[in-house]
C-alpha cells in the first residue's frame, strides 16, 4: 500500500477508537463522520493505487 493509504487507514482506526471512547454524543458523531470520510478516502487511494481491480465484465 502507498503511504497515503497507510495514513488514511491509521486515521480511520484512530478516529473510530476515539468515537468508541468519547462520552459526549457530539464527540461520537464527529468521530464517526471523520472515520467514514477517512475510510472513503482510503478506498479511493486503494482504487487509484490499483490495489482493488474493478472489472465491469461479470463472468
Protein backbone atom coordinates (compact mmCIF):
# COMPACT_ATOMS: atom_id res chain seq x y z
CA UNK A 1 0.00 0.00 0.00
CA UNK A 2 1.08 3.54 -0.58
CA UNK A 3 1.96 5.96 2.18
CA UNK A 4 -1.29 7.84 1.74
CA UNK A 5 -3.25 4.59 2.07
CA UNK A 6 -1.45 3.79 5.32
CA UNK A 7 -2.15 7.32 6.54
CA UNK A 8 -5.89 7.07 5.86
CA UNK A 9 -6.01 3.58 7.40
CA UNK A 10 -4.37 4.86 10.59
CA UNK A 11 -6.62 7.93 10.70
CA UNK A 12 -9.68 5.73 10.25
CA UNK A 13 -8.66 3.45 13.10
CA UNK A 14 -7.75 6.34 15.40
CA UNK A 15 -10.99 8.24 14.79
CA UNK A 16 -13.04 5.06 15.27
CA UNK A 17 -11.27 4.34 18.54
CA UNK A 18 -11.88 7.92 19.64
CA UNK A 19 -15.56 7.56 18.76
CA UNK A 20 -15.81 4.46 20.92
CA UNK A 21 -14.12 6.23 23.84
CA UNK A 22 -15.98 9.55 23.60
CA UNK A 23 -18.50 10.23 26.31
CA UNK A 24 -20.38 13.13 24.69
CA UNK A 25 -22.83 12.41 21.89
CA UNK A 26 -21.42 15.23 19.73
CA UNK A 27 -17.92 13.79 20.04
CA UNK A 28 -19.11 10.37 18.94
CA UNK A 29 -20.95 11.73 15.92
CA UNK A 30 -17.96 13.82 14.89
CA UNK A 31 -15.58 10.89 15.27
CA UNK A 32 -17.80 8.54 13.30
CA UNK A 33 -18.26 11.06 10.49
CA UNK A 34 -14.48 11.57 10.40
CA UNK A 35 -13.87 7.82 10.30
CA UNK A 36 -16.37 7.44 7.44
CA UNK A 37 -14.64 10.19 5.48
CA UNK A 38 -11.21 8.66 6.11
CA UNK A 39 -12.50 5.21 5.11
CA UNK A 40 -13.86 6.64 1.87
CA UNK A 41 -10.54 8.31 1.16
CA UNK A 42 -8.78 5.00 1.92
CA UNK A 43 -10.91 3.18 -0.64
CA UNK A 44 -10.26 5.91 -3.21
CA UNK A 45 -6.49 5.71 -2.68
CA UNK A 46 -6.61 1.92 -2.99
CA UNK A 47 -8.53 2.17 -6.26
CA UNK A 48 -6.17 4.82 -7.62
CA UNK A 49 -3.21 2.71 -6.50
CA UNK A 50 -4.75 -0.22 -8.35
CA UNK A 51 -4.86 -2.48 -5.29
CA UNK A 52 -8.56 -3.04 -5.94
CA UNK A 53 -9.19 -4.08 -9.52
CA UNK A 54 -12.53 -3.05 -10.98
CA UNK A 55 -13.72 -5.38 -13.72
CA UNK A 56 -17.03 -4.23 -15.21
CA UNK A 57 -17.48 -7.54 -17.07
CA UNK A 58 -19.15 -10.10 -14.84
CA UNK A 59 -18.06 -13.59 -15.77
